[in-house]
């Protein structure tokens, strides 16, 4: 279980770019980008929020995801055109997000799963470019009134703002307290971050 406010610090600190990868190939691409960014005249520092959790590595179909990932996020499970919902998850919560996706896609065919690898870059791009931003482009694949279930092991505010990009309803899952003891499944259940919590959040959005 990670610090609550560190994603918001990573997003709010000037001159710092924050990433929270889930998998090794994401981290490798981010490190390559970071070494160039650190030395660039207009570059800056890079903050990597990582986990020691062992994760099954994905089998990729090509390299198209890399460019989107280095702009902040990419569709791990691309949505069908104008689908009514998507899950947005970050970092170590991707296994829970994948489990929730597998449950929900039966009721919401074409459900998307967005890997928000850098909430910082997504947010900065949206602030600077608005409707032309990468966040707006990604969410433009959904129906205008699509619902978003966002999940991060940290402050829910790091992703909840995504609902403002296109005026979509959001169920934002995150942590608001700390100090509890237990294994990871117990902690995610306690804080409402497991797959069941994401399914319940989707049910509330469509109620």
N, C-alpha and C. Protein backbone atom coordinates (compact mmCIF):
# COMPACT_ATOMS: atom_id res chain seq x y z
N UNK A 1 0.85 -1.19 0.00
CA UNK A 1 0.00 0.00 0.00
C UNK A 1 0.88 1.23 0.00
N UNK A 2 0.56 2.19 -0.86
CA UNK A 2 1.45 3.30 -1.10
C UNK A 2 0.95 4.60 -0.47
N UNK A 3 1.77 5.60 -0.52
CA UNK A 3 1.41 6.91 0.01
C UNK A 3 0.19 7.47 -0.71
N UNK A 4 -0.69 8.14 0.06
CA UNK A 4 -1.93 8.67 -0.51
C UNK A 4 -1.67 9.84 -1.43
N UNK A 5 -0.85 10.79 -0.97
CA UNK A 5 -0.74 12.07 -1.67
C UNK A 5 0.37 12.12 -2.71
N UNK A 6 1.20 11.11 -2.80
CA UNK A 6 2.35 11.20 -3.71
C UNK A 6 1.97 11.38 -5.17
N UNK A 7 0.85 10.81 -5.69
CA UNK A 7 0.49 11.12 -7.07
C UNK A 7 0.18 12.61 -7.27
N UNK A 8 -0.49 13.22 -6.30
CA UNK A 8 -0.83 14.64 -6.42
C UNK A 8 0.42 15.51 -6.34
N UNK A 9 1.39 15.10 -5.51
CA UNK A 9 2.66 15.83 -5.45
C UNK A 9 3.38 15.72 -6.79
N UNK A 10 3.39 14.52 -7.36
CA UNK A 10 4.02 14.32 -8.66
C UNK A 10 3.38 15.16 -9.75
N UNK A 11 2.06 15.35 -9.67
CA UNK A 11 1.36 16.15 -10.67
C UNK A 11 1.54 17.64 -10.43
N UNK A 12 1.69 18.04 -9.18
CA UNK A 12 1.70 19.46 -8.87
C UNK A 12 3.07 20.10 -8.77
N UNK A 13 4.13 19.29 -8.71
CA UNK A 13 5.47 19.84 -8.55
C UNK A 13 6.01 20.37 -9.88
N UNK A 14 6.30 21.66 -10.00
CA UNK A 14 6.84 22.20 -11.25
C UNK A 14 8.18 21.56 -11.61
N UNK A 15 8.40 21.35 -12.89
CA UNK A 15 9.67 20.81 -13.36
C UNK A 15 9.82 19.32 -13.14
N UNK A 16 8.73 18.65 -12.74
CA UNK A 16 8.79 17.22 -12.43
C UNK A 16 7.73 16.50 -13.27
N UNK A 17 8.12 15.41 -13.91
CA UNK A 17 7.18 14.60 -14.66
C UNK A 17 7.00 13.27 -13.94
N UNK A 18 5.77 12.94 -13.63
CA UNK A 18 5.44 11.76 -12.83
C UNK A 18 4.88 10.64 -13.69
N UNK A 19 5.43 9.44 -13.54
CA UNK A 19 4.94 8.23 -14.19
C UNK A 19 4.65 7.17 -13.13
N UNK A 20 3.67 6.33 -13.42
CA UNK A 20 3.39 5.18 -12.55
C UNK A 20 3.12 3.95 -13.41
N UNK A 21 4.18 3.31 -13.90
CA UNK A 21 4.00 2.15 -14.78
C UNK A 21 3.59 0.90 -14.00
N UNK A 22 2.99 -0.03 -14.72
CA UNK A 22 2.63 -1.32 -14.13
C UNK A 22 3.62 -2.40 -14.54
N UNK A 23 4.08 -2.35 -15.80
CA UNK A 23 4.84 -3.47 -16.35
C UNK A 23 6.24 -3.06 -16.79
N UNK A 24 7.09 -4.08 -16.96
CA UNK A 24 8.50 -3.84 -17.23
C UNK A 24 8.72 -3.14 -18.56
N UNK A 25 7.93 -3.46 -19.58
CA UNK A 25 8.15 -2.81 -20.87
C UNK A 25 7.74 -1.34 -20.82
N UNK A 26 6.73 -1.02 -20.02
CA UNK A 26 6.40 0.39 -19.81
C UNK A 26 7.57 1.12 -19.15
N UNK A 27 8.11 0.50 -18.10
CA UNK A 27 9.22 1.12 -17.37
C UNK A 27 10.43 1.31 -18.28
N UNK A 28 10.73 0.33 -19.13
CA UNK A 28 11.88 0.44 -20.03
C UNK A 28 11.71 1.62 -20.98
N UNK A 29 10.50 1.80 -21.53
CA UNK A 29 10.25 2.92 -22.44
C UNK A 29 10.33 4.25 -21.70
N UNK A 30 9.82 4.29 -20.48
CA UNK A 30 9.87 5.52 -19.68
C UNK A 30 11.31 5.88 -19.34
N UNK A 31 12.13 4.89 -18.98
CA UNK A 31 13.53 5.16 -18.65
C UNK A 31 14.27 5.71 -19.86
N UNK A 32 14.01 5.14 -21.03
CA UNK A 32 14.66 5.66 -22.25
C UNK A 32 14.27 7.11 -22.49
N UNK A 33 12.97 7.41 -22.34
CA UNK A 33 12.50 8.79 -22.50
C UNK A 33 13.11 9.70 -21.43
N UNK A 34 13.20 9.19 -20.21
CA UNK A 34 13.65 10.01 -19.08
C UNK A 34 15.10 10.44 -19.23
N UNK A 35 15.98 9.55 -19.68
CA UNK A 35 17.39 9.92 -19.81
C UNK A 35 17.57 11.04 -20.83
N UNK A 36 16.75 11.05 -21.87
CA UNK A 36 16.81 12.16 -22.83
C UNK A 36 16.22 13.43 -22.22
N UNK A 37 15.11 13.28 -21.50
CA UNK A 37 14.43 14.43 -20.91
C UNK A 37 15.30 15.11 -19.85
N UNK A 38 16.01 14.31 -19.06
CA UNK A 38 16.85 14.85 -17.99
C UNK A 38 17.97 15.73 -18.54
N UNK A 39 18.44 15.41 -19.75
CA UNK A 39 19.57 16.13 -20.33
C UNK A 39 19.16 17.22 -21.32
N UNK A 40 17.87 17.30 -21.62
CA UNK A 40 17.41 18.29 -22.59
C UNK A 40 17.45 19.69 -21.99
N UNK A 41 17.70 20.70 -22.83
CA UNK A 41 17.75 22.09 -22.35
C UNK A 41 16.42 22.50 -21.72
N UNK A 42 15.31 22.00 -22.26
CA UNK A 42 14.00 22.34 -21.72
C UNK A 42 13.41 21.17 -20.93
N UNK A 43 14.25 20.27 -20.47
CA UNK A 43 13.80 19.09 -19.75
C UNK A 43 13.56 19.35 -18.27
N UNK A 44 13.63 18.30 -17.48
CA UNK A 44 13.39 18.42 -16.05
C UNK A 44 13.59 17.09 -15.36
N UNK A 45 13.12 17.01 -14.14
CA UNK A 45 13.25 15.79 -13.35
C UNK A 45 12.10 14.83 -13.65
N UNK A 46 12.31 13.58 -13.30
CA UNK A 46 11.31 12.54 -13.53
C UNK A 46 11.09 11.78 -12.23
N UNK A 47 9.83 11.56 -11.88
CA UNK A 47 9.46 10.82 -10.68
C UNK A 47 8.76 9.53 -11.11
N UNK A 48 9.29 8.40 -10.69
CA UNK A 48 8.70 7.10 -10.99
C UNK A 48 8.08 6.54 -9.72
N UNK A 49 6.80 6.36 -9.71
CA UNK A 49 6.09 5.75 -8.57
C UNK A 49 5.92 4.28 -8.90
N UNK A 50 6.71 3.44 -8.24
CA UNK A 50 6.82 2.04 -8.61
C UNK A 50 6.26 1.13 -7.52
N UNK A 51 6.17 -0.15 -7.84
CA UNK A 51 5.70 -1.15 -6.91
C UNK A 51 6.61 -2.37 -6.97
N UNK A 52 6.71 -3.09 -5.86
CA UNK A 52 7.46 -4.36 -5.85
C UNK A 52 6.52 -5.54 -6.07
N UNK A 53 5.26 -5.27 -6.34
CA UNK A 53 4.29 -6.34 -6.56
C UNK A 53 4.62 -7.13 -7.82
N UNK A 54 4.72 -8.45 -7.76
CA UNK A 54 4.99 -9.23 -8.96
C UNK A 54 3.74 -9.30 -9.85
N UNK A 55 3.89 -8.92 -11.11
CA UNK A 55 2.77 -8.90 -12.04
C UNK A 55 3.08 -9.75 -13.26
N UNK A 56 2.08 -10.43 -13.78
CA UNK A 56 2.23 -11.16 -15.04
C UNK A 56 2.38 -10.13 -16.15
N UNK A 57 3.41 -10.27 -16.96
CA UNK A 57 3.70 -9.29 -18.00
C UNK A 57 2.80 -9.52 -19.22
N UNK A 58 2.31 -8.45 -19.83
CA UNK A 58 1.40 -8.61 -20.97
C UNK A 58 2.13 -9.03 -22.24
N UNK A 59 1.40 -9.68 -23.12
CA UNK A 59 1.89 -10.00 -24.45
C UNK A 59 1.38 -8.91 -25.38
N UNK A 60 2.28 -8.13 -25.96
CA UNK A 60 1.89 -6.98 -26.77
C UNK A 60 1.71 -7.36 -28.23
N UNK A 61 0.80 -6.67 -28.88
CA UNK A 61 0.60 -6.81 -30.31
C UNK A 61 1.13 -5.55 -30.98
N UNK A 62 2.44 -5.53 -31.25
CA UNK A 62 3.05 -4.37 -31.86
C UNK A 62 3.54 -3.35 -30.84
N UNK A 63 3.97 -2.20 -31.35
CA UNK A 63 4.58 -1.15 -30.52
C UNK A 63 3.77 0.15 -30.51
N UNK A 64 2.57 0.14 -31.06
CA UNK A 64 1.79 1.37 -31.17
C UNK A 64 1.46 1.97 -29.81
N UNK A 65 1.37 1.13 -28.79
CA UNK A 65 1.01 1.60 -27.46
C UNK A 65 2.07 2.52 -26.87
N UNK A 66 3.33 2.38 -27.29
CA UNK A 66 4.42 3.12 -26.65
C UNK A 66 4.26 4.64 -26.80
N UNK A 67 3.93 5.09 -28.00
CA UNK A 67 3.81 6.53 -28.23
C UNK A 67 2.70 7.12 -27.38
N UNK A 68 1.56 6.43 -27.31
CA UNK A 68 0.46 6.92 -26.47
C UNK A 68 0.84 6.89 -25.00
N UNK A 69 1.53 5.83 -24.59
CA UNK A 69 1.93 5.71 -23.19
C UNK A 69 2.83 6.86 -22.77
N UNK A 70 3.75 7.27 -23.64
CA UNK A 70 4.66 8.36 -23.31
C UNK A 70 3.99 9.72 -23.38
N UNK A 71 2.74 9.75 -23.78
CA UNK A 71 1.93 10.98 -23.68
C UNK A 71 1.00 10.92 -22.47
N UNK A 72 1.05 9.82 -21.74
CA UNK A 72 0.28 9.72 -20.51
C UNK A 72 -0.56 8.49 -20.35
N UNK A 73 -1.02 7.89 -21.44
CA UNK A 73 -1.87 6.72 -21.30
C UNK A 73 -2.21 6.09 -22.64
N UNK A 74 -2.71 4.87 -22.59
CA UNK A 74 -3.07 4.14 -23.81
C UNK A 74 -4.18 3.13 -23.48
N UNK A 75 -4.89 2.73 -24.51
CA UNK A 75 -5.96 1.74 -24.34
C UNK A 75 -5.35 0.35 -24.28
N UNK A 76 -5.35 -0.24 -23.09
CA UNK A 76 -4.91 -1.64 -22.96
C UNK A 76 -5.97 -2.55 -23.57
N UNK A 77 -7.23 -2.23 -23.36
CA UNK A 77 -8.36 -2.90 -24.01
C UNK A 77 -9.13 -1.82 -24.77
N UNK A 78 -8.86 -1.68 -26.06
CA UNK A 78 -9.51 -0.60 -26.82
C UNK A 78 -11.03 -0.73 -26.78
N UNK A 79 -11.73 0.39 -26.62
CA UNK A 79 -13.19 0.34 -26.56
C UNK A 79 -13.80 0.22 -27.95
N UNK A 80 -15.01 -0.35 -27.98
CA UNK A 80 -15.79 -0.28 -29.21
C UNK A 80 -16.24 1.16 -29.42
N UNK A 81 -16.49 1.56 -30.68
CA UNK A 81 -16.90 2.95 -30.93
C UNK A 81 -18.14 3.33 -30.13
N UNK A 82 -18.02 4.44 -29.41
CA UNK A 82 -19.15 5.02 -28.68
C UNK A 82 -19.71 4.11 -27.59
N UNK A 83 -18.84 3.26 -27.01
CA UNK A 83 -19.28 2.43 -25.89
C UNK A 83 -19.59 3.30 -24.69
N UNK A 84 -20.41 2.81 -23.77
CA UNK A 84 -20.97 3.64 -22.70
C UNK A 84 -20.15 3.64 -21.42
N UNK A 85 -19.01 2.96 -21.39
CA UNK A 85 -18.22 2.94 -20.14
C UNK A 85 -16.79 2.54 -20.42
N UNK A 86 -15.92 2.90 -19.47
CA UNK A 86 -14.52 2.48 -19.52
C UNK A 86 -13.97 2.47 -18.10
N UNK A 87 -12.99 1.63 -17.90
CA UNK A 87 -12.22 1.61 -16.65
C UNK A 87 -10.90 2.32 -16.94
N UNK A 88 -10.49 3.18 -16.01
CA UNK A 88 -9.19 3.85 -16.10
C UNK A 88 -8.41 3.49 -14.84
N UNK A 89 -7.25 2.88 -15.01
CA UNK A 89 -6.48 2.43 -13.84
C UNK A 89 -5.01 2.75 -14.02
N UNK A 90 -4.31 2.78 -12.89
CA UNK A 90 -2.90 3.18 -12.87
C UNK A 90 -2.06 2.19 -12.09
N UNK A 91 -0.88 1.87 -12.61
CA UNK A 91 0.14 1.16 -11.86
C UNK A 91 -0.25 -0.21 -11.35
N UNK A 92 0.00 -0.43 -10.07
CA UNK A 92 -0.15 -1.75 -9.47
C UNK A 92 -1.57 -2.27 -9.45
N UNK A 93 -2.56 -1.42 -9.72
CA UNK A 93 -3.96 -1.85 -9.72
C UNK A 93 -4.40 -2.47 -11.04
N UNK A 94 -3.50 -2.59 -12.01
CA UNK A 94 -3.91 -3.13 -13.31
C UNK A 94 -4.45 -4.56 -13.24
N UNK A 95 -3.91 -5.46 -12.37
CA UNK A 95 -4.53 -6.79 -12.30
C UNK A 95 -5.99 -6.74 -11.85
N UNK A 96 -6.30 -5.90 -10.86
CA UNK A 96 -7.68 -5.76 -10.41
C UNK A 96 -8.54 -5.16 -11.51
N UNK A 97 -7.99 -4.19 -12.24
CA UNK A 97 -8.72 -3.57 -13.34
C UNK A 97 -9.02 -4.58 -14.45
N UNK A 98 -8.06 -5.44 -14.73
CA UNK A 98 -8.27 -6.47 -15.75
C UNK A 98 -9.33 -7.47 -15.30
N UNK A 99 -9.31 -7.83 -14.02
CA UNK A 99 -10.34 -8.75 -13.50
C UNK A 99 -11.72 -8.10 -13.59
N UNK A 100 -11.81 -6.82 -13.21
CA UNK A 100 -13.09 -6.12 -13.29
C UNK A 100 -13.56 -6.00 -14.74
N UNK A 101 -12.62 -5.71 -15.64
CA UNK A 101 -12.96 -5.61 -17.06
C UNK A 101 -13.56 -6.93 -17.56
N UNK A 102 -12.94 -8.05 -17.17
CA UNK A 102 -13.42 -9.35 -17.63
C UNK A 102 -14.84 -9.64 -17.13
N UNK A 103 -15.18 -9.14 -15.96
CA UNK A 103 -16.54 -9.31 -15.43
C UNK A 103 -17.52 -8.38 -16.14
N UNK A 104 -17.15 -7.12 -16.27
CA UNK A 104 -18.07 -6.11 -16.78
C UNK A 104 -18.29 -6.19 -18.28
N UNK A 105 -17.30 -6.70 -19.02
CA UNK A 105 -17.43 -6.71 -20.48
C UNK A 105 -18.58 -7.61 -20.94
N UNK A 106 -19.00 -8.53 -20.07
CA UNK A 106 -20.15 -9.38 -20.43
C UNK A 106 -21.43 -8.56 -20.49
N UNK A 107 -21.54 -7.55 -19.62
CA UNK A 107 -22.73 -6.70 -19.60
C UNK A 107 -22.56 -5.44 -20.44
N UNK A 108 -21.30 -5.03 -20.64
CA UNK A 108 -21.01 -3.83 -21.44
C UNK A 108 -20.06 -4.25 -22.57
N UNK A 109 -20.58 -4.84 -23.64
CA UNK A 109 -19.70 -5.26 -24.74
C UNK A 109 -18.91 -4.08 -25.29
N UNK A 110 -17.63 -4.31 -25.53
CA UNK A 110 -16.78 -3.24 -26.04
C UNK A 110 -16.22 -2.33 -24.97
N UNK A 111 -16.41 -2.70 -23.70
CA UNK A 111 -15.89 -1.91 -22.58
C UNK A 111 -14.40 -1.66 -22.76
N UNK A 112 -13.95 -0.42 -22.54
CA UNK A 112 -12.55 -0.09 -22.66
C UNK A 112 -11.82 -0.15 -21.34
N UNK A 113 -10.52 -0.39 -21.39
CA UNK A 113 -9.65 -0.34 -20.22
C UNK A 113 -8.46 0.54 -20.57
N UNK A 114 -8.39 1.71 -19.93
CA UNK A 114 -7.36 2.69 -20.21
C UNK A 114 -6.28 2.62 -19.14
N UNK A 115 -5.03 2.43 -19.56
CA UNK A 115 -3.88 2.46 -18.65
C UNK A 115 -3.39 3.90 -18.57
N UNK A 116 -3.63 4.54 -17.43
CA UNK A 116 -3.19 5.92 -17.21
C UNK A 116 -1.81 5.87 -16.57
N UNK A 117 -0.78 5.75 -17.39
CA UNK A 117 0.58 5.55 -16.91
C UNK A 117 1.18 6.84 -16.34
N UNK A 118 0.71 7.99 -16.82
CA UNK A 118 1.14 9.27 -16.27
C UNK A 118 -0.07 10.20 -16.15
N UNK A 119 -0.77 10.15 -15.01
CA UNK A 119 -1.83 11.14 -14.79
C UNK A 119 -1.30 12.57 -14.93
N UNK A 120 -0.02 12.75 -14.62
CA UNK A 120 0.62 14.06 -14.73
C UNK A 120 0.61 14.57 -16.17
N UNK A 121 1.10 13.77 -17.12
CA UNK A 121 1.15 14.20 -18.51
C UNK A 121 -0.25 14.36 -19.10
N UNK A 122 -1.17 13.47 -18.73
CA UNK A 122 -2.54 13.60 -19.21
C UNK A 122 -3.15 14.91 -18.75
N UNK A 123 -2.95 15.23 -17.46
CA UNK A 123 -3.54 16.44 -16.90
C UNK A 123 -2.89 17.69 -17.49
N UNK A 124 -1.55 17.69 -17.58
CA UNK A 124 -0.85 18.85 -18.13
C UNK A 124 -1.26 19.09 -19.57
N UNK A 125 -1.39 18.03 -20.35
CA UNK A 125 -1.81 18.18 -21.73
C UNK A 125 -3.21 18.73 -21.84
N UNK A 126 -4.11 18.27 -20.98
CA UNK A 126 -5.48 18.77 -21.01
C UNK A 126 -5.53 20.25 -20.63
N UNK A 127 -4.76 20.64 -19.62
CA UNK A 127 -4.73 22.04 -19.24
C UNK A 127 -4.20 22.94 -20.36
N UNK A 128 -3.20 22.42 -21.08
CA UNK A 128 -2.57 23.24 -22.12
C UNK A 128 -3.33 23.23 -23.43
N UNK A 129 -3.95 22.10 -23.77
CA UNK A 129 -4.50 21.93 -25.12
C UNK A 129 -6.01 21.71 -25.16
N UNK A 130 -6.62 21.45 -24.03
CA UNK A 130 -8.07 21.28 -24.00
C UNK A 130 -8.55 20.16 -24.90
N UNK A 131 -9.46 20.49 -25.81
CA UNK A 131 -10.07 19.49 -26.68
C UNK A 131 -9.08 18.82 -27.61
N UNK A 132 -7.89 19.43 -27.81
CA UNK A 132 -6.87 18.84 -28.68
C UNK A 132 -5.90 17.95 -27.90
N UNK A 133 -6.11 17.79 -26.61
CA UNK A 133 -5.17 17.06 -25.77
C UNK A 133 -5.26 15.56 -25.98
N UNK A 134 -4.23 14.86 -25.48
CA UNK A 134 -4.21 13.40 -25.58
C UNK A 134 -5.35 12.79 -24.77
N UNK A 135 -5.63 13.35 -23.59
CA UNK A 135 -6.73 12.84 -22.77
C UNK A 135 -8.05 12.95 -23.52
N UNK A 136 -8.28 14.08 -24.17
CA UNK A 136 -9.52 14.27 -24.93
C UNK A 136 -9.58 13.30 -26.11
N UNK A 137 -8.44 13.08 -26.75
CA UNK A 137 -8.40 12.14 -27.88
C UNK A 137 -8.74 10.73 -27.41
N UNK A 138 -8.15 10.30 -26.30
CA UNK A 138 -8.42 8.96 -25.79
C UNK A 138 -9.89 8.79 -25.42
N UNK A 139 -10.42 9.73 -24.67
CA UNK A 139 -11.80 9.62 -24.21
C UNK A 139 -12.80 9.87 -25.34
N UNK A 140 -12.33 10.46 -26.43
CA UNK A 140 -13.20 10.67 -27.58
C UNK A 140 -13.64 9.38 -28.24
N UNK A 141 -13.00 8.27 -27.90
CA UNK A 141 -13.41 6.98 -28.44
C UNK A 141 -14.70 6.48 -27.79
N UNK A 142 -15.09 7.10 -26.68
CA UNK A 142 -16.27 6.67 -25.93
C UNK A 142 -17.49 7.50 -26.33
N UNK A 143 -18.66 7.03 -25.94
CA UNK A 143 -19.87 7.83 -26.10
C UNK A 143 -19.75 9.11 -25.28
N UNK A 144 -20.35 10.22 -25.74
CA UNK A 144 -20.23 11.48 -25.00
C UNK A 144 -20.70 11.37 -23.55
N UNK A 145 -21.69 10.51 -23.29
CA UNK A 145 -22.21 10.36 -21.93
C UNK A 145 -21.69 9.10 -21.25
N UNK A 146 -20.54 8.58 -21.72
CA UNK A 146 -19.98 7.37 -21.14
C UNK A 146 -19.58 7.59 -19.69
N UNK A 147 -19.67 6.53 -18.89
CA UNK A 147 -19.25 6.56 -17.51
C UNK A 147 -17.82 6.07 -17.38
N UNK A 148 -17.09 6.64 -16.41
CA UNK A 148 -15.70 6.26 -16.16
C UNK A 148 -15.56 5.73 -14.75
N UNK A 149 -14.91 4.58 -14.61
CA UNK A 149 -14.52 4.07 -13.31
C UNK A 149 -13.01 4.23 -13.22
N UNK A 150 -12.54 5.12 -12.34
CA UNK A 150 -11.11 5.37 -12.22
C UNK A 150 -10.59 4.74 -10.92
N UNK A 151 -9.37 4.22 -10.96
CA UNK A 151 -8.81 3.53 -9.78
C UNK A 151 -7.31 3.74 -9.72
N UNK A 152 -6.84 4.18 -8.54
CA UNK A 152 -5.42 4.36 -8.30
C UNK A 152 -5.13 4.07 -6.83
N UNK A 153 -3.98 3.49 -6.55
CA UNK A 153 -3.56 3.25 -5.17
C UNK A 153 -2.94 4.54 -4.64
N UNK A 154 -3.80 5.50 -4.37
CA UNK A 154 -3.41 6.83 -3.94
C UNK A 154 -4.64 7.71 -3.96
N UNK A 155 -4.47 9.01 -3.91
CA UNK A 155 -5.61 9.91 -3.89
C UNK A 155 -6.44 9.76 -5.16
N UNK A 156 -7.75 9.59 -4.98
CA UNK A 156 -8.64 9.45 -6.13
C UNK A 156 -8.62 10.68 -7.02
N UNK A 157 -8.22 11.83 -6.45
CA UNK A 157 -8.17 13.07 -7.22
C UNK A 157 -7.18 13.05 -8.37
N UNK A 158 -6.23 12.11 -8.35
CA UNK A 158 -5.25 12.03 -9.42
C UNK A 158 -5.89 11.65 -10.75
N UNK A 159 -7.06 10.99 -10.70
CA UNK A 159 -7.73 10.57 -11.93
C UNK A 159 -9.16 11.09 -12.04
N UNK A 160 -9.76 11.53 -10.95
CA UNK A 160 -11.18 11.90 -11.00
C UNK A 160 -11.44 13.07 -11.94
N UNK A 161 -10.43 13.92 -12.17
CA UNK A 161 -10.58 15.08 -13.06
C UNK A 161 -10.89 14.67 -14.50
N UNK A 162 -10.63 13.41 -14.86
CA UNK A 162 -10.87 12.97 -16.23
C UNK A 162 -12.32 13.15 -16.64
N UNK A 163 -13.24 13.14 -15.67
CA UNK A 163 -14.63 13.36 -16.00
C UNK A 163 -14.89 14.75 -16.56
N UNK A 164 -14.00 15.70 -16.25
CA UNK A 164 -14.18 17.07 -16.73
C UNK A 164 -13.77 17.24 -18.19
N UNK A 165 -13.00 16.30 -18.73
CA UNK A 165 -12.50 16.45 -20.09
C UNK A 165 -13.65 16.51 -21.09
N UNK A 166 -14.64 15.62 -20.91
CA UNK A 166 -15.79 15.60 -21.83
C UNK A 166 -17.11 15.63 -21.08
N UNK A 167 -17.08 15.98 -19.79
CA UNK A 167 -18.31 16.07 -19.02
C UNK A 167 -18.94 14.73 -18.72
N UNK A 168 -18.12 13.72 -18.43
CA UNK A 168 -18.61 12.37 -18.19
C UNK A 168 -18.67 12.08 -16.70
N UNK A 169 -19.64 11.26 -16.30
CA UNK A 169 -19.77 10.87 -14.89
C UNK A 169 -18.63 9.93 -14.50
N UNK A 170 -18.14 10.09 -13.28
CA UNK A 170 -16.99 9.33 -12.80
C UNK A 170 -17.28 8.71 -11.44
N UNK A 171 -16.89 7.46 -11.28
CA UNK A 171 -16.78 6.84 -9.96
C UNK A 171 -15.29 6.70 -9.69
N UNK A 172 -14.78 7.53 -8.79
CA UNK A 172 -13.33 7.62 -8.56
C UNK A 172 -12.94 6.81 -7.32
N UNK A 173 -12.15 5.77 -7.52
CA UNK A 173 -11.70 4.92 -6.43
C UNK A 173 -10.25 5.26 -6.08
N UNK A 174 -9.96 5.33 -4.79
CA UNK A 174 -8.61 5.63 -4.32
C UNK A 174 -8.55 5.44 -2.82
N UNK A 175 -7.48 5.89 -2.22
CA UNK A 175 -7.29 5.75 -0.77
C UNK A 175 -7.45 7.10 -0.09
N UNK A 176 -7.99 7.05 1.13
CA UNK A 176 -8.18 8.28 1.90
C UNK A 176 -7.66 8.14 3.34
N UNK A 177 -7.09 7.00 3.68
CA UNK A 177 -6.55 6.79 5.02
C UNK A 177 -5.45 5.74 4.94
N UNK A 178 -4.66 5.61 6.01
CA UNK A 178 -3.59 4.62 6.02
C UNK A 178 -3.34 4.17 7.45
N UNK A 179 -2.48 3.17 7.61
CA UNK A 179 -2.13 2.66 8.92
C UNK A 179 -2.68 1.28 9.21
N UNK A 180 -3.53 0.75 8.31
CA UNK A 180 -4.09 -0.57 8.52
C UNK A 180 -3.08 -1.65 8.15
N UNK A 181 -3.20 -2.81 8.74
CA UNK A 181 -2.30 -3.92 8.43
C UNK A 181 -3.09 -5.03 7.76
N UNK A 182 -2.39 -5.83 6.96
CA UNK A 182 -3.01 -6.94 6.25
C UNK A 182 -2.30 -7.18 4.95
N UNK A 183 -2.65 -8.30 4.29
CA UNK A 183 -2.03 -8.57 3.00
C UNK A 183 -2.70 -7.72 1.93
N UNK A 184 -2.16 -7.78 0.72
CA UNK A 184 -2.62 -6.89 -0.34
C UNK A 184 -4.10 -7.09 -0.68
N UNK A 185 -4.58 -8.33 -0.85
CA UNK A 185 -6.02 -8.47 -1.13
C UNK A 185 -6.90 -7.89 -0.03
N UNK A 186 -6.48 -8.07 1.23
CA UNK A 186 -7.26 -7.50 2.33
C UNK A 186 -7.27 -5.98 2.27
N UNK A 187 -6.10 -5.38 1.98
CA UNK A 187 -6.01 -3.93 1.91
C UNK A 187 -6.84 -3.36 0.77
N UNK A 188 -6.77 -3.99 -0.39
CA UNK A 188 -7.55 -3.50 -1.53
C UNK A 188 -9.04 -3.67 -1.27
N UNK A 189 -9.43 -4.74 -0.58
CA UNK A 189 -10.84 -4.92 -0.23
C UNK A 189 -11.27 -3.84 0.77
N UNK A 190 -10.42 -3.58 1.76
CA UNK A 190 -10.73 -2.59 2.79
C UNK A 190 -10.90 -1.20 2.20
N UNK A 191 -10.02 -0.84 1.27
CA UNK A 191 -10.02 0.51 0.71
C UNK A 191 -10.88 0.63 -0.55
N UNK A 192 -11.58 -0.44 -0.91
CA UNK A 192 -12.45 -0.37 -2.08
C UNK A 192 -11.70 -0.24 -3.38
N UNK A 193 -10.63 -1.03 -3.53
CA UNK A 193 -9.80 -0.96 -4.73
C UNK A 193 -9.72 -2.28 -5.47
N UNK A 194 -10.42 -3.31 -5.01
CA UNK A 194 -10.33 -4.60 -5.68
C UNK A 194 -11.32 -4.66 -6.84
N UNK A 195 -11.32 -5.79 -7.55
CA UNK A 195 -12.18 -5.92 -8.73
C UNK A 195 -13.65 -5.79 -8.36
N UNK A 196 -14.05 -6.34 -7.22
CA UNK A 196 -15.45 -6.25 -6.81
C UNK A 196 -15.86 -4.79 -6.60
N UNK A 197 -14.95 -3.99 -6.04
CA UNK A 197 -15.25 -2.57 -5.82
C UNK A 197 -15.44 -1.85 -7.15
N UNK A 198 -14.63 -2.20 -8.15
CA UNK A 198 -14.78 -1.57 -9.46
C UNK A 198 -16.09 -1.97 -10.12
N UNK A 199 -16.49 -3.23 -9.96
CA UNK A 199 -17.78 -3.68 -10.51
C UNK A 199 -18.92 -2.97 -9.80
N UNK A 200 -18.82 -2.85 -8.48
CA UNK A 200 -19.86 -2.14 -7.72
C UNK A 200 -19.94 -0.67 -8.14
N UNK A 201 -18.79 -0.07 -8.40
CA UNK A 201 -18.76 1.33 -8.83
C UNK A 201 -19.47 1.49 -10.17
N UNK A 202 -19.25 0.55 -11.07
CA UNK A 202 -19.94 0.59 -12.37
C UNK A 202 -21.44 0.45 -12.19
N UNK A 203 -21.86 -0.42 -11.28
CA UNK A 203 -23.28 -0.60 -11.02
C UNK A 203 -23.91 0.68 -10.50
N UNK A 204 -23.19 1.40 -9.65
CA UNK A 204 -23.72 2.65 -9.12
C UNK A 204 -23.85 3.70 -10.23
N UNK A 205 -22.89 3.73 -11.14
CA UNK A 205 -22.94 4.71 -12.22
C UNK A 205 -24.14 4.47 -13.14
N UNK A 206 -24.51 3.21 -13.33
CA UNK A 206 -25.59 2.89 -14.26
C UNK A 206 -26.95 2.74 -13.56
N UNK A 207 -26.94 2.89 -12.23
CA UNK A 207 -28.20 2.74 -11.49
C UNK A 207 -29.16 3.86 -11.86
